[in-house]
């Protein structure tokens, strides 16, 4: 454990941020999984929710901008593939 007052504060701040980021990442992954698991009728509303979670996580700095783009690209590809197969 840190001895210096500023280092102690930093440890507390880091712990708080890690919890916040973990929750945000969990929401993101849940939204992506829900999109994958939903039937075709509700795909449009679920993809919008997944995109929203991805954008929110990117804006907060939880994920890198390229990671956000990759997530969205994969979802779009799956949506296009599902639409073509119907």
PDB file of N, CA and C in Angstrom:
ATOM      1  N   UNK A   1       0.840  -1.187   0.000  1.00  0.00           N
ATOM      2  CA  UNK A   1       0.000   0.000   0.000  1.00  0.00           C
ATOM      3  C   UNK A   1       0.876   1.237   0.000  1.00  0.00           C
ATOM      4  N   UNK A   2       0.372   2.263  -0.643  1.00  0.00           N
ATOM      5  CA  UNK A   2       1.132   3.506  -0.759  1.00  0.00           C
ATOM      6  C   UNK A   2       1.217   4.233   0.577  1.00  0.00           C
ATOM      7  N   UNK A   3       2.333   4.937   0.783  1.00  0.00           N
ATOM      8  CA  UNK A   3       2.536   5.700   2.012  1.00  0.00           C
ATOM      9  C   UNK A   3       2.250   7.183   1.822  1.00  0.00           C
ATOM     10  N   UNK A   4       2.453   7.668   0.613  1.00  0.00           N
ATOM     11  CA  UNK A   4       2.284   9.083   0.335  1.00  0.00           C
ATOM     12  C   UNK A   4       0.802   9.379   0.128  1.00  0.00           C
ATOM     13  N   UNK A   5       0.368  10.516   0.666  1.00  0.00           N
ATOM     14  CA  UNK A   5      -1.046  10.869   0.649  1.00  0.00           C
ATOM     15  C   UNK A   5      -1.622  10.915  -0.774  1.00  0.00           C
ATOM     16  N   UNK A   6      -0.885  11.507  -1.705  1.00  0.00           N
ATOM     17  CA  UNK A   6      -1.377  11.604  -3.083  1.00  0.00           C
ATOM     18  C   UNK A   6      -1.456  10.225  -3.737  1.00  0.00           C
ATOM     19  N   UNK A   7      -0.528   9.332  -3.367  1.00  0.00           N
ATOM     20  CA  UNK A   7      -0.544   7.980  -3.924  1.00  0.00           C
ATOM     21  C   UNK A   7      -1.735   7.182  -3.378  1.00  0.00           C
ATOM     22  N   UNK A   8      -2.063   7.406  -2.113  1.00  0.00           N
ATOM     23  CA  UNK A   8      -3.222   6.744  -1.499  1.00  0.00           C
ATOM     24  C   UNK A   8      -4.492   7.188  -2.228  1.00  0.00           C
ATOM     25  N   UNK A   9      -4.571   8.495  -2.493  1.00  0.00           N
ATOM     26  CA  UNK A   9      -5.722   9.039  -3.200  1.00  0.00           C
ATOM     27  C   UNK A   9      -5.827   8.435  -4.596  1.00  0.00           C
ATOM     28  N   UNK A  10      -4.705   8.339  -5.279  1.00  0.00           N
ATOM     29  CA  UNK A  10      -4.680   7.755  -6.621  1.00  0.00           C
ATOM     30  C   UNK A  10      -5.176   6.309  -6.608  1.00  0.00           C
ATOM     31  N   UNK A  11      -4.777   5.540  -5.617  1.00  0.00           N
ATOM     32  CA  UNK A  11      -5.213   4.143  -5.510  1.00  0.00           C
ATOM     33  C   UNK A  11      -6.732   4.088  -5.372  1.00  0.00           C
ATOM     34  N   UNK A  12      -7.285   4.980  -4.541  1.00  0.00           N
ATOM     35  CA  UNK A  12      -8.744   5.014  -4.360  1.00  0.00           C
ATOM     36  C   UNK A  12      -9.446   5.401  -5.661  1.00  0.00           C
ATOM     37  N   UNK A  13      -8.903   6.406  -6.348  1.00  0.00           N
ATOM     38  CA  UNK A  13      -9.507   6.851  -7.599  1.00  0.00           C
ATOM     39  C   UNK A  13      -9.472   5.747  -8.655  1.00  0.00           C
ATOM     40  N   UNK A  14      -8.351   5.062  -8.726  1.00  0.00           N
ATOM     41  CA  UNK A  14      -8.200   3.980  -9.699  1.00  0.00           C
ATOM     42  C   UNK A  14      -9.203   2.866  -9.422  1.00  0.00           C
ATOM     43  N   UNK A  15      -9.384   2.519  -8.155  1.00  0.00           N
ATOM     44  CA  UNK A  15     -10.330   1.468  -7.796  1.00  0.00           C
ATOM     45  C   UNK A  15     -11.747   1.858  -8.203  1.00  0.00           C
ATOM     46  N   UNK A  16     -12.105   3.129  -7.972  1.00  0.00           N
ATOM     47  CA  UNK A  16     -13.427   3.623  -8.342  1.00  0.00           C
ATOM     48  C   UNK A  16     -13.638   3.559  -9.851  1.00  0.00           C
ATOM     49  N   UNK A  17     -12.624   3.992 -10.587  1.00  0.00           N
ATOM     50  CA  UNK A  17     -12.714   3.989 -12.049  1.00  0.00           C
ATOM     51  C   UNK A  17     -12.805   2.572 -12.599  1.00  0.00           C
ATOM     52  N   UNK A  18     -12.040   1.666 -11.998  1.00  0.00           N
ATOM     53  CA  UNK A  18     -12.079   0.272 -12.465  1.00  0.00           C
ATOM     54  C   UNK A  18     -13.471  -0.306 -12.311  1.00  0.00           C
ATOM     55  N   UNK A  19     -14.124  -0.017 -11.171  1.00  0.00           N
ATOM     56  CA  UNK A  19     -15.487  -0.501 -10.953  1.00  0.00           C
ATOM     57  C   UNK A  19     -16.447   0.078 -11.992  1.00  0.00           C
ATOM     58  N   UNK A  20     -16.323   1.375 -12.247  1.00  0.00           N
ATOM     59  CA  UNK A  20     -17.195   2.042 -13.204  1.00  0.00           C
ATOM     60  C   UNK A  20     -16.980   1.458 -14.600  1.00  0.00           C
ATOM     61  N   UNK A  21     -15.724   1.293 -14.984  1.00  0.00           N
ATOM     62  CA  UNK A  21     -15.404   0.757 -16.307  1.00  0.00           C
ATOM     63  C   UNK A  21     -15.880  -0.682 -16.454  1.00  0.00           C
ATOM     64  N   UNK A  22     -15.732  -1.456 -15.381  1.00  0.00           N
ATOM     65  CA  UNK A  22     -16.159  -2.853 -15.424  1.00  0.00           C
ATOM     66  C   UNK A  22     -17.665  -2.947 -15.663  1.00  0.00           C
ATOM     67  N   UNK A  23     -18.422  -2.094 -14.979  1.00  0.00           N
ATOM     68  CA  UNK A  23     -19.874  -2.064 -15.157  1.00  0.00           C
ATOM     69  C   UNK A  23     -20.266  -1.669 -16.568  1.00  0.00           C
ATOM     70  N   UNK A  24     -19.584  -0.648 -17.079  1.00  0.00           N
ATOM     71  CA  UNK A  24     -19.870  -0.159 -18.434  1.00  0.00           C
ATOM     72  C   UNK A  24     -19.546  -1.231 -19.465  1.00  0.00           C
ATOM     73  N   UNK A  25     -18.410  -1.916 -19.296  1.00  0.00           N
ATOM     74  CA  UNK A  25     -18.015  -2.975 -20.217  1.00  0.00           C
ATOM     75  C   UNK A  25     -19.016  -4.129 -20.158  1.00  0.00           C
ATOM     76  N   UNK A  26     -19.529  -4.403 -18.964  1.00  0.00           N
ATOM     77  CA  UNK A  26     -20.516  -5.457 -18.792  1.00  0.00           C
ATOM     78  C   UNK A  26     -21.807  -5.118 -19.541  1.00  0.00           C
ATOM     79  N   UNK A  27     -22.273  -3.861 -19.417  1.00  0.00           N
ATOM     80  CA  UNK A  27     -23.458  -3.416 -20.147  1.00  0.00           C
ATOM     81  C   UNK A  27     -23.251  -3.567 -21.651  1.00  0.00           C
ATOM     82  N   UNK A  28     -22.066  -3.190 -22.094  1.00  0.00           N
ATOM     83  CA  UNK A  28     -21.735  -3.268 -23.519  1.00  0.00           C
ATOM     84  C   UNK A  28     -21.821  -4.711 -24.012  1.00  0.00           C
ATOM     85  N   UNK A  29     -21.169  -5.604 -23.320  1.00  0.00           N
ATOM     86  CA  UNK A  29     -21.144  -7.008 -23.748  1.00  0.00           C
ATOM     87  C   UNK A  29     -22.523  -7.638 -23.673  1.00  0.00           C
ATOM     88  N   UNK A  30     -23.316  -7.249 -22.668  1.00  0.00           N
ATOM     89  CA  UNK A  30     -24.670  -7.769 -22.546  1.00  0.00           C
ATOM     90  C   UNK A  30     -25.518  -7.324 -23.733  1.00  0.00           C
ATOM     91  N   UNK A  31     -25.392  -6.046 -24.123  1.00  0.00           N
ATOM     92  CA  UNK A  31     -26.163  -5.530 -25.254  1.00  0.00           C
ATOM     93  C   UNK A  31     -25.808  -6.263 -26.537  1.00  0.00           C
ATOM     94  N   UNK A  32     -24.520  -6.539 -26.731  1.00  0.00           N
ATOM     95  CA  UNK A  32     -24.080  -7.250 -27.936  1.00  0.00           C
ATOM     96  C   UNK A  32     -24.617  -8.681 -27.921  1.00  0.00           C
ATOM     97  N   UNK A  33     -24.575  -9.334 -26.771  1.00  0.00           N
ATOM     98  CA  UNK A  33     -25.094 -10.704 -26.664  1.00  0.00           C
ATOM     99  C   UNK A  33     -26.603 -10.739 -26.900  1.00  0.00           C
ATOM    100  N   UNK A  34     -27.324  -9.741 -26.356  1.00  0.00           N
ATOM    101  CA  UNK A  34     -28.768  -9.695 -26.549  1.00  0.00           C
ATOM    102  C   UNK A  34     -29.105  -9.538 -28.030  1.00  0.00           C
ATOM    103  N   UNK A  35     -28.305  -8.765 -28.745  1.00  0.00           N
ATOM    104  CA  UNK A  35     -28.541  -8.612 -30.187  1.00  0.00           C
ATOM    105  C   UNK A  35     -28.362  -9.952 -30.887  1.00  0.00           C
ATOM    106  N   UNK A  36     -27.315 -10.665 -30.531  1.00  0.00           N
ATOM    107  CA  UNK A  36     -27.036 -11.952 -31.187  1.00  0.00           C
ATOM    108  C   UNK A  36     -28.138 -12.971 -30.919  1.00  0.00           C
ATOM    109  N   UNK A  37     -28.722 -12.928 -29.714  1.00  0.00           N
ATOM    110  CA  UNK A  37     -29.678 -13.956 -29.305  1.00  0.00           C
ATOM    111  C   UNK A  37     -31.125 -13.679 -29.714  1.00  0.00           C
ATOM    112  N   UNK A  38     -31.431 -12.449 -30.106  1.00  0.00           N
ATOM    113  CA  UNK A  38     -32.818 -12.087 -30.391  1.00  0.00           C
ATOM    114  C   UNK A  38     -33.250 -12.597 -31.766  1.00  0.00           C
ATOM    115  N   UNK A  39     -34.568 -12.856 -31.918  1.00  0.00           N
ATOM    116  CA  UNK A  39     -35.073 -13.305 -33.214  1.00  0.00           C
ATOM    117  C   UNK A  39     -35.112 -12.129 -34.189  1.00  0.00           C
ATOM    118  N   UNK A  40     -35.278 -12.437 -35.456  1.00  0.00           N
ATOM    119  CA  UNK A  40     -35.151 -11.440 -36.524  1.00  0.00           C
ATOM    120  C   UNK A  40     -36.124 -10.268 -36.396  1.00  0.00           C
ATOM    121  N   UNK A  41     -37.303 -10.493 -35.842  1.00  0.00           N
ATOM    122  CA  UNK A  41     -38.320  -9.444 -35.776  1.00  0.00           C
ATOM    123  C   UNK A  41     -37.854  -8.241 -34.960  1.00  0.00           C
ATOM    124  N   UNK A  42     -37.056  -8.466 -33.926  1.00  0.00           N
ATOM    125  CA  UNK A  42     -36.641  -7.385 -33.024  1.00  0.00           C
ATOM    126  C   UNK A  42     -35.193  -6.955 -33.235  1.00  0.00           C
ATOM    127  N   UNK A  43     -34.561  -7.430 -34.292  1.00  0.00           N
ATOM    128  CA  UNK A  43     -33.136  -7.142 -34.504  1.00  0.00           C
ATOM    129  C   UNK A  43     -32.849  -5.655 -34.639  1.00  0.00           C
ATOM    130  N   UNK A  44     -33.735  -4.909 -35.340  1.00  0.00           N
ATOM    131  CA  UNK A  44     -33.470  -3.489 -35.563  1.00  0.00           C
ATOM    132  C   UNK A  44     -33.407  -2.700 -34.267  1.00  0.00           C
ATOM    133  N   UNK A  45     -34.321  -2.971 -33.357  1.00  0.00           N
ATOM    134  CA  UNK A  45     -34.308  -2.227 -32.088  1.00  0.00           C
ATOM    135  C   UNK A  45     -33.116  -2.652 -31.218  1.00  0.00           C
ATOM    136  N   UNK A  46     -32.741  -3.915 -31.281  1.00  0.00           N
ATOM    137  CA  UNK A  46     -31.610  -4.391 -30.485  1.00  0.00           C
ATOM    138  C   UNK A  46     -30.276  -3.885 -31.035  1.00  0.00           C
ATOM    139  N   UNK A  47     -30.171  -3.756 -32.355  1.00  0.00           N
ATOM    140  CA  UNK A  47     -28.914  -3.257 -32.920  1.00  0.00           C
ATOM    141  C   UNK A  47     -28.742  -1.782 -32.543  1.00  0.00           C
ATOM    142  N   UNK A  48     -29.838  -1.052 -32.474  1.00  0.00           N
ATOM    143  CA  UNK A  48     -29.766   0.357 -32.062  1.00  0.00           C
ATOM    144  C   UNK A  48     -29.294   0.458 -30.616  1.00  0.00           C
ATOM    145  N   UNK A  49     -29.790  -0.425 -29.750  1.00  0.00           N
ATOM    146  CA  UNK A  49     -29.364  -0.436 -28.345  1.00  0.00           C
ATOM    147  C   UNK A  49     -27.888  -0.810 -28.231  1.00  0.00           C
ATOM    148  N   UNK A  50     -27.474  -1.795 -29.018  1.00  0.00           N
ATOM    149  CA  UNK A  50     -26.075  -2.221 -28.985  1.00  0.00           C
ATOM    150  C   UNK A  50     -25.160  -1.097 -29.466  1.00  0.00           C
ATOM    151  N   UNK A  51     -25.544  -0.423 -30.542  1.00  0.00           N
ATOM    152  CA  UNK A  51     -24.757   0.709 -31.051  1.00  0.00           C
ATOM    153  C   UNK A  51     -24.665   1.810 -30.006  1.00  0.00           C
ATOM    154  N   UNK A  52     -25.778   2.055 -29.330  1.00  0.00           N
ATOM    155  CA  UNK A  52     -25.806   3.091 -28.292  1.00  0.00           C
ATOM    156  C   UNK A  52     -24.838   2.761 -27.161  1.00  0.00           C
ATOM    157  N   UNK A  53     -24.849   1.512 -26.724  1.00  0.00           N
ATOM    158  CA  UNK A  53     -23.930   1.088 -25.650  1.00  0.00           C
ATOM    159  C   UNK A  53     -22.474   1.191 -26.105  1.00  0.00           C
ATOM    160  N   UNK A  54     -22.211   0.810 -27.338  1.00  0.00           N
ATOM    161  CA  UNK A  54     -20.850   0.893 -27.878  1.00  0.00           C
ATOM    162  C   UNK A  54     -20.390   2.349 -27.899  1.00  0.00           C
ATOM    163  N   UNK A  55     -21.255   3.231 -28.406  1.00  0.00           N
ATOM    164  CA  UNK A  55     -20.903   4.650 -28.486  1.00  0.00           C
ATOM    165  C   UNK A  55     -20.695   5.251 -27.103  1.00  0.00           C
ATOM    166  N   UNK A  56     -21.535   4.866 -26.161  1.00  0.00           N
ATOM    167  CA  UNK A  56     -21.415   5.388 -24.793  1.00  0.00           C
ATOM    168  C   UNK A  56     -20.101   4.933 -24.161  1.00  0.00           C
ATOM    169  N   UNK A  57     -19.759   3.671 -24.348  1.00  0.00           N
ATOM    170  CA  UNK A  57     -18.497   3.149 -23.794  1.00  0.00           C
ATOM    171  C   UNK A  57     -17.304   3.850 -24.441  1.00  0.00           C
ATOM    172  N   UNK A  58     -17.398   4.130 -25.732  1.00  0.00           N
ATOM    173  CA  UNK A  58     -16.314   4.832 -26.430  1.00  0.00           C
ATOM    174  C   UNK A  58     -16.172   6.251 -25.898  1.00  0.00           C
ATOM    175  N   UNK A  59     -17.305   6.922 -25.730  1.00  0.00           N
ATOM    176  CA  UNK A  59     -17.298   8.312 -25.260  1.00  0.00           C
ATOM    177  C   UNK A  59     -16.701   8.422 -23.853  1.00  0.00           C
ATOM    178  N   UNK A  60     -16.967   7.436 -23.023  1.00  0.00           N
ATOM    179  CA  UNK A  60     -16.469   7.446 -21.650  1.00  0.00           C
ATOM    180  C   UNK A  60     -15.015   6.981 -21.559  1.00  0.00           C
ATOM    181  N   UNK A  61     -14.474   6.466 -22.665  1.00  0.00           N
ATOM    182  CA  UNK A  61     -13.091   6.024 -22.655  1.00  0.00           C
ATOM    183  C   UNK A  61     -12.893   4.616 -22.132  1.00  0.00           C
ATOM    184  N   UNK A  62     -13.982   3.853 -22.071  1.00  0.00           N
ATOM    185  CA  UNK A  62     -13.894   2.476 -21.575  1.00  0.00           C
ATOM    186  C   UNK A  62     -13.259   1.574 -22.624  1.00  0.00           C
ATOM    187  N   UNK A  63     -13.596   1.828 -23.900  1.00  0.00           N
ATOM    188  CA  UNK A  63     -12.981   1.063 -24.982  1.00  0.00           C
ATOM    189  C   UNK A  63     -12.332   2.028 -25.974  1.00  0.00           C
ATOM    190  N   UNK A  64     -11.398   1.534 -26.717  1.00  0.00           N
ATOM    191  CA  UNK A  64     -10.671   2.324 -27.714  1.00  0.00           C
ATOM    192  C   UNK A  64     -11.576   2.581 -28.912  1.00  0.00           C
ATOM    193  N   UNK A  65     -11.316   3.658 -29.642  1.00  0.00           N
ATOM    194  CA  UNK A  65     -12.181   4.001 -30.781  1.00  0.00           C
ATOM    195  C   UNK A  65     -12.155   2.927 -31.856  1.00  0.00           C
ATOM    196  N   UNK A  66     -11.011   2.293 -32.068  1.00  0.00           N
ATOM    197  CA  UNK A  66     -10.944   1.225 -33.067  1.00  0.00           C
ATOM    198  C   UNK A  66     -11.707  -0.008 -32.600  1.00  0.00           C
ATOM    199  N   UNK A  67     -11.702  -0.261 -31.295  1.00  0.00           N
ATOM    200  CA  UNK A  67     -12.464  -1.390 -30.758  1.00  0.00           C
ATOM    201  C   UNK A  67     -13.955  -1.137 -30.953  1.00  0.00           C
ATOM    202  N   UNK A  68     -14.382   0.106 -30.726  1.00  0.00           N
ATOM    203  CA  UNK A  68     -15.792   0.459 -30.930  1.00  0.00           C
ATOM    204  C   UNK A  68     -16.177   0.271 -32.397  1.00  0.00           C
ATOM    205  N   UNK A  69     -15.325   0.715 -33.278  1.00  0.00           N
ATOM    206  CA  UNK A  69     -15.587   0.563 -34.710  1.00  0.00           C
ATOM    207  C   UNK A  69     -15.648  -0.912 -35.086  1.00  0.00           C
ATOM    208  N   UNK A  70     -14.786  -1.706 -34.502  1.00  0.00           N
ATOM    209  CA  UNK A  70     -14.749  -3.144 -34.797  1.00  0.00           C
ATOM    210  C   UNK A  70     -16.043  -3.816 -34.329  1.00  0.00           C
ATOM    211  N   UNK A  71     -16.490  -3.486 -33.100  1.00  0.00           N
ATOM    212  CA  UNK A  71     -17.744  -4.040 -32.582  1.00  0.00           C
ATOM    213  C   UNK A  71     -18.906  -3.706 -33.529  1.00  0.00           C
ATOM    214  N   UNK A  72     -18.998  -2.431 -33.915  1.00  0.00           N
ATOM    215  CA  UNK A  72     -20.097  -1.986 -34.761  1.00  0.00           C
ATOM    216  C   UNK A  72     -20.024  -2.643 -36.144  1.00  0.00           C
ATOM    217  N   UNK A  73     -18.831  -2.786 -36.670  1.00  0.00           N
ATOM    218  CA  UNK A  73     -18.650  -3.414 -37.970  1.00  0.00           C
ATOM    219  C   UNK A  73     -19.100  -4.861 -37.942  1.00  0.00           C
ATOM    220  N   UNK A  74     -18.737  -5.567 -36.907  1.00  0.00           N
ATOM    221  CA  UNK A  74     -19.129  -6.976 -36.793  1.00  0.00           C
ATOM    222  C   UNK A  74     -20.641  -7.115 -36.692  1.00  0.00           C
ATOM    223  N   UNK A  75     -21.272  -6.223 -35.891  1.00  0.00           N
ATOM    224  CA  UNK A  75     -22.725  -6.277 -35.769  1.00  0.00           C
ATOM    225  C   UNK A  75     -23.397  -5.971 -37.108  1.00  0.00           C
ATOM    226  N   UNK A  76     -22.876  -4.984 -37.820  1.00  0.00           N
ATOM    227  CA  UNK A  76     -23.444  -4.615 -39.109  1.00  0.00           C
ATOM    228  C   UNK A  76     -23.327  -5.749 -40.114  1.00  0.00           C
ATOM    229  N   UNK A  77     -22.165  -6.416 -40.091  1.00  0.00           N
ATOM    230  CA  UNK A  77     -21.962  -7.558 -41.003  1.00  0.00           C
ATOM    231  C   UNK A  77     -22.953  -8.668 -40.704  1.00  0.00           C
ATOM    232  N   UNK A  78     -23.154  -8.956 -39.419  1.00  0.00           N
ATOM    233  CA  UNK A  78     -24.103  -9.998 -39.033  1.00  0.00           C
ATOM    234  C   UNK A  78     -25.521  -9.615 -39.433  1.00  0.00           C
ATOM    235  N   UNK A  79     -25.872  -8.328 -39.270  1.00  0.00           N
ATOM    236  CA  UNK A  79     -27.206  -7.855 -39.633  1.00  0.00           C
ATOM    237  C   UNK A  79     -27.420  -7.972 -41.138  1.00  0.00           C
ATOM    238  N   UNK A  80     -26.418  -7.603 -41.911  1.00  0.00           N
ATOM    239  CA  UNK A  80     -26.515  -7.693 -43.364  1.00  0.00           C
ATOM    240  C   UNK A  80     -26.644  -9.150 -43.810  1.00  0.00           C
ATOM    241  N   UNK A  81     -25.872 -10.004 -43.172  1.00  0.00           N
ATOM    242  CA  UNK A  81     -25.902 -11.428 -43.509  1.00  0.00           C
ATOM    243  C   UNK A  81     -27.274 -12.023 -43.175  1.00  0.00           C
ATOM    244  N   UNK A  82     -27.825 -11.650 -42.008  1.00  0.00           N
ATOM    245  CA  UNK A  82     -29.137 -12.139 -41.603  1.00  0.00           C
ATOM    246  C   UNK A  82     -30.229 -11.611 -42.543  1.00  0.00           C
ATOM    247  N   UNK A  83     -30.078 -10.359 -42.966  1.00  0.00           N
ATOM    248  CA  UNK A  83     -31.051  -9.774 -43.892  1.00  0.00           C
ATOM    249  C   UNK A  83     -31.009 -10.417 -45.252  1.00  0.00           C
ATOM    250  N   UNK A  84     -29.829 -10.784 -45.711  1.00  0.00           N
ATOM    251  CA  UNK A  84     -29.664 -11.410 -47.031  1.00  0.00           C
ATOM    252  C   UNK A  84     -30.201 -12.827 -47.046  1.00  0.00           C
ATOM    253  N   UNK A  85     -30.117 -13.508 -45.909  1.00  0.00           N
ATOM    254  CA  UNK A  85     -30.553 -14.911 -45.868  1.00  0.00           C
ATOM    255  C   UNK A  85     -32.066 -15.049 -45.786  1.00  0.00           C
ATOM    256  N   UNK A  86     -32.778 -13.938 -45.533  1.00  0.00           N
ATOM    257  CA  UNK A  86     -34.239 -14.026 -45.417  1.00  0.00           C
ATOM    258  C   UNK A  86     -34.913 -14.010 -46.753  1.00  0.00           C
TER     259      UNK A  86
END
